[in-house]
Protein backbone atom coordinates (compact mmCIF):
# COMPACT_ATOMS: atom_id res chain seq x y z
CA MET A 1 -14.04 42.63 46.64
CA LYS A 2 -10.94 44.77 46.12
CA HIS A 3 -8.41 45.50 48.79
CA SER A 4 -4.99 47.06 49.24
CA PHE A 5 -2.76 47.58 52.23
CA LYS A 6 0.50 49.06 53.39
CA LYS A 7 2.62 47.96 56.30
CA LEU A 8 3.41 50.53 58.97
CA LYS A 9 5.85 50.42 61.89
CA ASN A 10 5.05 48.67 65.19
CA ALA A 11 3.53 45.66 63.35
CA GLU A 12 0.62 47.76 62.14
CA VAL A 13 -1.17 47.55 58.78
CA GLU A 14 -3.41 50.06 57.03
CA LEU A 15 -6.00 48.21 54.96
CA GLU A 16 -8.52 49.58 52.48
CA VAL A 17 -11.41 47.41 51.25
CA SER A 18 -14.11 48.23 48.70
CA LEU A 19 -17.22 46.29 47.68
CA ASP A 20 -19.23 47.08 44.59
CA GLN A 21 -22.99 47.44 44.75
CA LYS A 22 -23.68 43.79 43.93
CA GLU A 23 -21.20 42.54 46.55
CA PHE A 24 -22.59 44.78 49.28
CA LEU A 25 -26.14 43.80 48.37
CA GLU A 26 -25.28 40.22 49.39
CA TYR A 27 -24.93 41.48 52.95
CA TYR A 28 -27.71 44.08 52.86
CA GLN A 29 -30.55 42.16 51.19
CA PRO A 30 -30.85 39.21 53.65
CA LEU A 31 -30.96 41.63 56.57
CA PHE A 32 -33.52 43.83 54.82
CA ASP A 33 -35.72 40.81 54.02
CA GLU A 34 -35.48 39.64 57.64
CA ALA A 35 -36.50 43.08 58.92
CA LEU A 36 -39.33 43.20 56.38
CA SER A 37 -40.71 39.87 57.59
CA LYS A 38 -40.93 41.19 61.14
CA VAL A 39 -42.85 44.37 60.31
CA ALA A 40 -46.14 44.46 62.23
CA LEU A 41 -48.75 46.95 60.97
CA LYS A 42 -52.14 47.49 62.53
CA GLY A 43 -54.74 45.28 60.87
CA PHE A 44 -52.17 42.90 59.38
CA ARG A 45 -50.39 39.83 60.67
CA PRO A 46 -46.55 40.09 60.83
CA GLY A 47 -45.25 39.63 57.30
CA ALA A 48 -48.71 39.92 55.72
CA ALA A 49 -48.84 43.68 55.17
CA PRO A 50 -48.63 45.04 51.59
CA LYS A 51 -44.99 45.21 50.48
CA GLU A 52 -45.07 48.95 49.77
CA MET A 53 -46.40 49.73 53.24
CA ALA A 54 -44.03 47.29 54.99
CA GLU A 55 -40.97 48.65 53.20
CA LYS A 56 -41.76 52.15 54.43
CA ALA A 57 -41.85 50.83 58.01
CA VAL A 58 -38.42 49.21 57.84
CA ASP A 59 -35.61 51.14 59.56
CA LYS A 60 -33.33 51.17 56.52
CA GLU A 61 -30.57 53.08 58.33
CA LYS A 62 -30.38 50.39 61.01
CA VAL A 63 -30.35 47.64 58.37
CA PHE A 64 -27.56 49.45 56.51
CA GLU A 65 -25.46 49.71 59.70
CA GLU A 66 -25.93 46.02 60.43
CA ALA A 67 -24.98 45.14 56.85
CA VAL A 68 -21.85 47.29 57.08
CA HIS A 69 -20.78 45.64 60.35
CA LYS A 70 -21.32 42.18 58.90
CA ALA A 71 -19.44 43.06 55.70
CA VAL A 72 -16.50 44.45 57.70
CA ARG A 73 -16.28 41.38 59.95
CA THR A 74 -16.48 38.95 57.04
CA THR A 75 -14.08 40.73 54.69
CA LEU A 76 -11.56 41.42 57.45
CA LYS A 77 -11.50 37.72 58.25
CA GLU A 78 -11.06 36.82 54.58
CA VAL A 79 -8.23 39.30 54.01
CA SER A 80 -6.49 38.27 57.26
CA GLU A 81 -6.61 34.59 56.32
CA GLU A 82 -5.39 35.36 52.80
CA ASN A 83 -2.36 37.23 54.17
CA SER A 84 -1.83 34.96 57.21
CA TRP A 85 -2.43 37.84 59.62
CA GLN A 86 -3.18 37.13 63.25
CA LEU A 87 -4.85 40.23 64.70
CA ILE A 88 -3.78 41.10 68.23
CA ASP A 89 -5.91 44.17 68.84
CA GLN A 90 -9.37 45.46 68.00
CA PRO A 91 -9.25 46.92 64.45
CA ARG A 92 -9.96 50.62 64.09
CA VAL A 93 -12.41 50.93 61.20
CA GLU A 94 -13.43 54.06 59.28
CA ILE A 95 -16.32 53.86 56.77
CA LEU A 96 -15.50 55.89 53.66
CA GLU A 97 -17.84 57.52 51.18
CA SER A 98 -18.58 55.44 48.10
CA PRO A 99 -20.89 56.37 45.20
CA THR A 100 -21.88 52.71 44.89
CA GLY A 101 -21.42 49.75 47.20
CA MET A 102 -19.29 50.19 50.31
CA LYS A 103 -15.73 51.19 51.20
CA TYR A 104 -13.79 51.24 54.46
CA LYS A 105 -10.32 51.72 55.89
CA ALA A 106 -9.05 49.59 58.78
CA HIS A 107 -6.03 50.11 61.00
CA LEU A 108 -4.78 46.70 62.19
CA THR A 109 -2.13 45.41 64.56
CA VAL A 110 -0.91 41.97 63.53
CA PHE A 111 1.23 39.35 65.19
CA PRO A 112 4.71 40.17 63.86
CA ALA A 113 7.03 37.98 61.87
CA VAL A 114 10.13 37.04 63.85
CA GLU A 115 13.30 36.46 61.82
CA LEU A 116 15.56 34.63 64.26
CA GLY A 117 18.66 34.39 62.09
CA ASP A 118 21.44 32.15 63.42
CA TYR A 119 20.32 32.48 67.03
CA GLN A 120 21.82 29.10 67.93
CA LYS A 121 25.31 30.31 67.06
CA VAL A 122 24.71 33.42 69.19
CA ALA A 123 23.49 31.27 72.09
CA LYS A 124 26.56 29.00 71.96
CA LYS A 125 28.88 32.00 72.05
CA VAL A 126 27.11 33.46 75.11
CA LEU A 127 27.10 30.13 76.94
CA ASP A 128 30.83 29.65 76.34
CA ALA A 129 31.63 33.16 77.58
CA GLU A 130 29.28 33.30 80.56
CA HIS A 131 29.79 29.90 82.19
CA LYS A 132 30.86 30.46 85.81
CA GLU A 133 30.91 28.39 88.96
CA ALA A 134 29.10 29.72 92.01
CA PRO A 135 30.69 28.11 95.11
CA VAL A 136 29.31 28.67 98.61
CA SER A 137 31.82 30.00 101.15
CA ASP A 138 31.97 29.04 104.80
CA LYS A 139 31.26 32.67 105.74
CA GLU A 140 28.02 32.62 103.73
CA VAL A 141 26.91 29.49 105.59
CA GLU A 142 27.79 31.00 109.00
CA ASP A 143 26.04 34.28 108.13
CA SER A 144 22.88 32.36 107.19
CA LEU A 145 23.02 30.38 110.42
CA LYS A 146 23.49 33.61 112.36
CA TRP A 147 20.44 35.11 110.68
CA LEU A 148 18.49 31.97 111.54
CA ARG A 149 19.49 32.26 115.19
CA GLN A 150 18.59 35.96 115.21
CA SER A 151 15.15 35.19 113.81
CA ARG A 152 14.58 32.87 116.80
CA ALA A 153 16.09 35.27 119.34
CA LYS A 154 14.32 35.86 122.63
CA LEU A 155 13.50 39.55 123.19
CA THR A 156 13.44 40.94 126.72
CA ARG A 157 12.36 44.50 127.45
CA VAL A 158 15.08 46.25 129.42
CA ASN A 159 15.23 49.50 131.37
CA ARG A 160 18.72 50.54 130.35
CA GLU A 161 20.60 52.49 127.73
CA ALA A 162 20.49 51.01 124.22
CA LYS A 163 23.59 49.45 122.73
CA ASN A 164 24.51 47.81 119.43
CA GLY A 165 22.63 44.58 118.94
CA ASP A 166 19.53 45.71 120.82
CA VAL A 167 16.13 45.87 119.16
CA LEU A 168 14.38 49.24 119.35
CA ASP A 169 10.77 50.28 118.93
CA ILE A 170 10.86 53.81 117.53
CA ASP A 171 9.03 56.32 115.41
CA PHE A 172 10.76 59.14 113.60
CA ALA A 173 10.07 62.25 111.55
CA GLY A 174 12.26 64.56 109.50
CA PHE A 175 11.96 68.33 109.26
CA ALA A 176 13.37 70.98 106.95
CA ASP A 177 13.22 74.60 108.08
CA GLY A 178 10.92 73.52 110.89
CA LYS A 179 8.36 71.91 108.56
CA PRO A 180 7.66 68.15 108.18
CA LEU A 181 9.50 66.68 105.20
CA ASP A 182 7.44 64.22 103.18
CA GLY A 183 8.94 60.73 102.94
CA THR A 184 11.15 61.04 106.05
CA GLU A 185 8.67 59.87 108.67
CA GLY A 186 7.87 56.35 109.80
CA LYS A 187 7.77 53.70 112.50
CA ALA A 188 10.16 50.82 113.14
CA ASP A 189 9.20 48.27 115.78
CA ASN A 190 11.92 45.75 114.95
CA PHE A 191 14.88 48.04 114.42
CA VAL A 192 18.19 46.34 115.23
CA LEU A 193 20.67 48.93 116.41
CA GLY A 194 24.02 48.67 114.65
CA GLU A 195 22.92 46.95 111.42
CA GLY A 196 23.38 50.17 109.44
CA LYS A 197 20.08 50.03 107.58
CA PHE A 198 19.27 53.70 108.11
CA ILE A 199 20.99 56.81 106.79
CA PRO A 200 24.66 57.00 107.88
CA GLY A 201 24.90 58.76 111.24
CA PHE A 202 21.28 58.08 112.24
CA GLU A 203 21.87 55.06 114.49
CA GLU A 204 24.78 56.60 116.38
CA HIS A 205 22.36 59.11 117.95
CA LEU A 206 20.30 56.26 119.45
CA ILE A 207 23.14 54.50 121.23
CA GLY A 208 22.86 55.21 124.96
CA ARG A 209 19.17 56.18 124.74
CA LYS A 210 16.46 54.67 126.94
CA GLU A 211 12.73 53.97 126.65
CA LYS A 212 10.62 57.18 126.49
CA ASP A 213 13.61 59.26 125.37
CA ILE A 214 12.95 61.82 122.65
CA VAL A 215 16.03 62.52 120.57
CA GLU A 216 16.53 65.39 118.13
CA PHE A 217 19.52 65.66 115.84
CA PRO A 218 20.51 66.85 112.33
CA ILE A 219 21.61 64.53 109.54
CA THR A 220 23.19 65.58 106.27
CA PHE A 221 22.21 63.13 103.56
CA PRO A 222 25.07 61.51 101.56
CA LYS A 223 26.14 63.15 98.31
CA ASP A 224 25.41 59.91 96.45
CA TYR A 225 22.00 59.38 98.03
CA TRP A 226 19.51 57.53 95.75
CA LYS A 227 17.09 60.48 95.66
CA GLU A 228 18.70 63.42 93.91
CA ASP A 229 16.83 66.24 95.66
CA MET A 230 17.95 64.87 99.05
CA ARG A 231 21.66 64.71 98.29
CA ASN A 232 23.77 66.83 100.69
CA ARG A 233 20.53 68.06 102.27
CA LYS A 234 20.38 68.75 105.99
CA VAL A 235 17.36 67.25 107.74
CA ASP A 236 16.45 67.63 111.43
CA PHE A 237 15.16 64.36 112.86
CA LYS A 238 12.98 63.77 115.89
CA VAL A 239 12.99 60.19 117.22
CA THR A 240 10.87 58.78 120.04
CA VAL A 241 12.12 55.59 121.69
CA HIS A 242 9.13 53.47 122.73
CA GLY A 243 11.08 50.43 123.86
CA VAL A 244 14.53 48.85 124.18
CA PHE A 245 14.82 45.06 123.92
CA GLU A 246 17.79 42.82 124.58
CA ARG A 247 18.28 39.91 122.22
CA GLU A 248 19.27 36.49 123.48
CA LEU A 249 20.36 34.29 120.58
CA PRO A 250 19.91 30.52 120.95
CA GLU A 251 23.00 28.34 120.87
CA LEU A 252 23.70 26.59 117.59
CA ASN A 253 23.41 23.05 118.90
CA ASP A 254 21.51 19.84 118.15
CA GLU A 255 18.51 20.96 120.19
CA PHE A 256 18.23 24.19 118.20
CA ALA A 257 18.53 22.28 114.90
CA LYS A 258 15.67 19.95 115.91
CA SER A 259 13.50 22.95 116.78
CA ILE A 260 13.97 24.35 113.26
CA GLY A 261 12.76 21.30 111.37
CA LYS A 262 13.52 17.69 110.60
CA PHE A 263 17.19 17.85 111.52
CA GLU A 264 18.99 15.40 113.79
CA SER A 265 21.93 17.65 114.58
CA ALA A 266 23.51 21.05 114.10
CA GLU A 267 25.70 19.50 111.43
CA ASP A 268 22.59 18.36 109.50
CA LEU A 269 21.26 21.91 109.68
CA ARG A 270 24.57 23.36 108.50
CA LYS A 271 24.64 20.90 105.58
CA ASN A 272 21.07 21.80 104.62
CA VAL A 273 21.86 25.50 104.73
CA ARG A 274 24.89 25.01 102.47
CA GLU A 275 22.80 23.00 99.98
CA GLY A 276 20.09 25.63 100.03
CA LEU A 277 22.58 28.43 99.39
CA ALA A 278 24.16 26.43 96.56
CA LYS A 279 20.79 25.90 94.93
CA GLU A 280 19.91 29.57 95.33
CA LYS A 281 23.23 30.60 93.77
CA GLN A 282 22.76 28.19 90.89
CA GLN A 283 19.30 29.60 90.22
CA LYS A 284 20.59 33.18 90.28
CA GLU A 285 23.46 32.23 87.98
CA GLN A 286 21.02 30.50 85.63
CA GLU A 287 18.80 33.59 85.59
CA ARG A 288 21.81 35.83 84.89
CA VAL A 289 22.99 33.67 81.98
CA ARG A 290 19.48 33.39 80.55
CA LEU A 291 19.16 37.17 80.64
CA LYS A 292 22.48 37.48 78.79
CA LEU A 293 21.32 34.86 76.29
CA MET A 294 18.16 36.71 75.43
CA GLU A 295 19.85 40.12 75.31
CA ALA A 296 22.33 38.76 72.76
CA ILE A 297 19.65 37.02 70.67
CA ILE A 298 17.45 40.15 70.63
CA LYS A 299 20.31 42.11 69.04
CA HIS A 300 20.49 39.64 66.12
CA VAL A 301 16.75 39.16 65.55
CA LYS A 302 14.67 41.11 63.04
CA LEU A 303 11.45 41.98 64.81
CA ASP A 304 8.88 44.77 64.57
CA LEU A 305 7.53 45.17 68.09
CA PRO A 306 3.74 45.68 68.22
CA GLY A 307 3.14 48.95 70.03
CA VAL A 308 -0.06 47.68 71.64
CA MET A 309 1.78 44.74 73.22
CA VAL A 310 4.47 47.04 74.59
CA GLN A 311 1.87 49.40 76.05
CA ARG A 312 -0.09 46.59 77.71
CA THR A 313 3.10 45.20 79.22
CA LEU A 314 4.14 48.67 80.33
CA ASP A 315 0.73 49.27 81.95
CA SER A 316 1.14 46.08 83.96
CA MET A 317 4.71 46.94 84.98
CA VAL A 318 3.72 50.44 86.10
CA GLN A 319 0.93 49.09 88.28
CA GLU A 320 3.23 46.49 89.84
CA TYR A 321 5.83 49.18 90.47
CA LYS A 322 3.27 51.43 92.20
CA ASP A 323 1.89 48.56 94.28
CA TYR A 324 5.39 47.63 95.42
CA ALA A 325 6.32 51.24 96.17
CA GLN A 326 3.40 51.53 98.59
CA LEU A 327 4.78 48.66 100.67
CA SER A 328 8.52 49.13 100.35
CA PHE A 329 10.94 51.11 102.45
CA ARG A 330 14.36 52.39 101.54
CA GLY A 331 16.71 53.27 104.37
CA GLY A 332 13.76 53.33 106.75
CA GLU A 333 11.90 55.93 104.68
CA ARG A 334 8.81 55.53 102.57
CA GLN A 335 9.52 56.23 98.95
CA PRO A 336 7.64 59.33 97.76
CA ALA A 337 5.06 58.85 95.04
CA GLU A 338 6.36 59.20 91.48
CA LYS A 339 4.42 60.51 88.53
CA ASP A 340 3.05 57.88 86.17
CA GLU A 341 4.86 59.42 83.20
CA ASP A 342 8.20 59.22 85.05
CA ILE A 343 7.59 55.56 85.95
CA ARG A 344 6.61 54.74 82.35
CA LYS A 345 9.75 56.37 81.02
CA LYS A 346 11.85 54.41 83.51
CA LEU A 347 10.24 51.07 82.58
CA GLU A 348 9.72 51.51 78.84
CA ASP A 349 12.96 49.82 77.77
CA LYS A 350 12.27 46.91 80.13
CA ALA A 351 8.76 46.51 78.66
CA GLU A 352 10.13 46.41 75.11
CA LYS A 353 12.69 43.75 76.06
CA SER A 354 9.98 41.72 77.77
CA VAL A 355 7.76 41.73 74.68
CA ALA A 356 10.70 40.93 72.39
CA THR A 357 11.73 38.05 74.66
CA ASN A 358 8.23 36.56 74.68
CA LEU A 359 7.93 36.77 70.89
CA ILE A 360 11.35 35.18 70.38
CA ILE A 361 10.58 32.37 72.81
CA TYR A 362 7.27 31.75 71.06
CA GLN A 363 8.99 31.57 67.66
CA ILE A 364 11.76 29.24 68.84
CA ALA A 365 9.19 26.96 70.45
CA LYS A 366 7.20 26.90 67.21
CA ASP A 367 10.22 26.23 65.01
CA MET A 368 11.67 23.53 67.27
CA GLN A 369 8.29 22.00 68.19
CA LEU A 370 8.72 22.74 71.87
CA GLU A 371 5.13 23.72 72.60
CA PRO A 372 4.03 22.37 76.01
CA THR A 373 1.73 19.36 76.09
CA LYS A 374 -1.47 19.37 78.09
CA GLU A 375 0.08 16.93 80.56
CA GLU A 376 3.13 19.17 81.12
CA VAL A 377 0.98 22.23 81.78
CA GLU A 378 -1.36 20.38 84.13
CA ALA A 379 1.65 19.07 86.06
CA ASP A 380 2.87 22.64 86.55
CA VAL A 381 -0.63 23.76 87.59
CA ASN A 382 -0.77 21.00 90.22
CA THR A 383 2.67 21.96 91.51
CA ALA A 384 1.57 25.58 91.85
CA LEU A 385 -1.66 24.62 93.61
CA SER A 386 0.15 22.33 96.05
CA SER A 387 2.32 25.24 97.24
CA MET A 388 -0.65 27.55 97.86
CA ARG A 389 -2.89 27.83 100.85
CA ARG A 390 -6.27 26.26 100.21
CA GLU A 391 -8.23 29.53 100.56
CA HIS A 392 -5.97 31.24 98.01
CA ALA A 393 -6.11 28.37 95.52
CA GLY A 394 -9.91 28.36 95.63
CA ASN A 395 -10.06 31.99 94.44
CA LEU A 396 -7.96 31.47 91.32
CA ASP A 397 -9.37 31.59 87.79
CA PRO A 398 -8.61 28.09 86.39
CA GLN A 399 -8.08 29.38 82.84
CA LYS A 400 -5.72 32.14 83.96
CA LEU A 401 -3.76 29.65 86.04
CA TYR A 402 -3.54 27.26 83.07
CA ASP A 403 -2.38 30.08 80.76
CA TYR A 404 0.22 31.18 83.29
CA SER A 405 1.54 27.63 83.67
CA TYR A 406 1.61 27.25 79.89
CA GLY A 407 3.92 30.26 79.71
CA VAL A 408 6.11 28.94 82.52
CA VAL A 409 6.55 25.56 80.83
CA LEU A 410 7.09 27.15 77.42
CA ASN A 411 9.86 29.40 78.78
CA ARG A 412 11.50 26.53 80.60
CA LYS A 413 11.56 24.25 77.56
CA VAL A 414 12.97 26.93 75.27
CA PHE A 415 15.74 27.94 77.68
CA GLU A 416 16.60 24.30 78.35
CA PHE A 417 16.91 23.83 74.60
CA LEU A 418 19.16 26.89 74.29
CA GLU A 419 21.31 25.73 77.22
CA SER A 420 21.74 22.33 75.56
CA LEU A 421 23.56 24.00 72.67
CA LYS A 422 26.79 24.60 74.64
């Protein structure tokens, strides 16, 4: 067997393999003999017909195709092992003309080599520069307690004019030149008047309104509005008020604290809230630093990103983006559908960084022998299952859950190693 190859960009390889007649015959002849032994001709038992007659009955084209497929599989494996290639996509194979034997060209995508360089020095520099404390202020604690009280507020339907702090049940629609404007209609049944979550100027028109009122008013969208084609645009809104509700917030006392959970007093609740905020801040700070770490390491690593891995990651990101967009609201308005090509363009850089990060983490784990043990992965799986509802856990694919937990543990161990370098 003779072969040659050239490396292309995106971790791709173009391989050409040729077998002479004798080498190809080693694949063809056993398959031909097997087919010959199964020939059944009228008047003869299978395999007992005269050779000349049986040979004419064999589908030689089918045998040839089977021999080619077997030769490609075998030789591809041999060449890959010889060059330490780990294929990460289905090879694209083209059979070439050959006067004798067999010849083919294969387009391969291989797991790329990752040259990390002095990534530890880079990590230390980032850790020294990015270390910050994240204290919790008294105002943050009080704001969280206020939100908690608001979530337990008693709502009473009232027959009076709405004021700031009331909860409204409304539906709304926007019009331009008398025609409905896509993306500016919706319903809000838990709309707190005065929180400023809608477009500036919108809520002011609802103050003083009562149940069953229909309010019409124009709004000019801000010049820095997130959607470019809506900036400085005048939209006529029509709002129907279906209900006005007064909120009665519970007092922050020991009784309220006990109703929330296993707290003996309001002070216990306040302490728990502060600890929770501190933990949340620490986690966010850790995520921020880890992102900075990987961004810095990526810049110093030599890596040829496999295009197929980027595209698969991008496909997943686009679908997640679209799924989220169907459920999300911005400023009380549904986000209009975006074209797939626009979403892909927006997320392409993020997909490339995600693939690069995963490859770097894999290489560091390999070099530093940080691969997760079976026990570590199973512990993470059990933790994940314990936090799920039983009906959801029962529908999970065990192998997918194990693979996911493997990745979680792998990432954690690598980042903990990097953070230990400071």
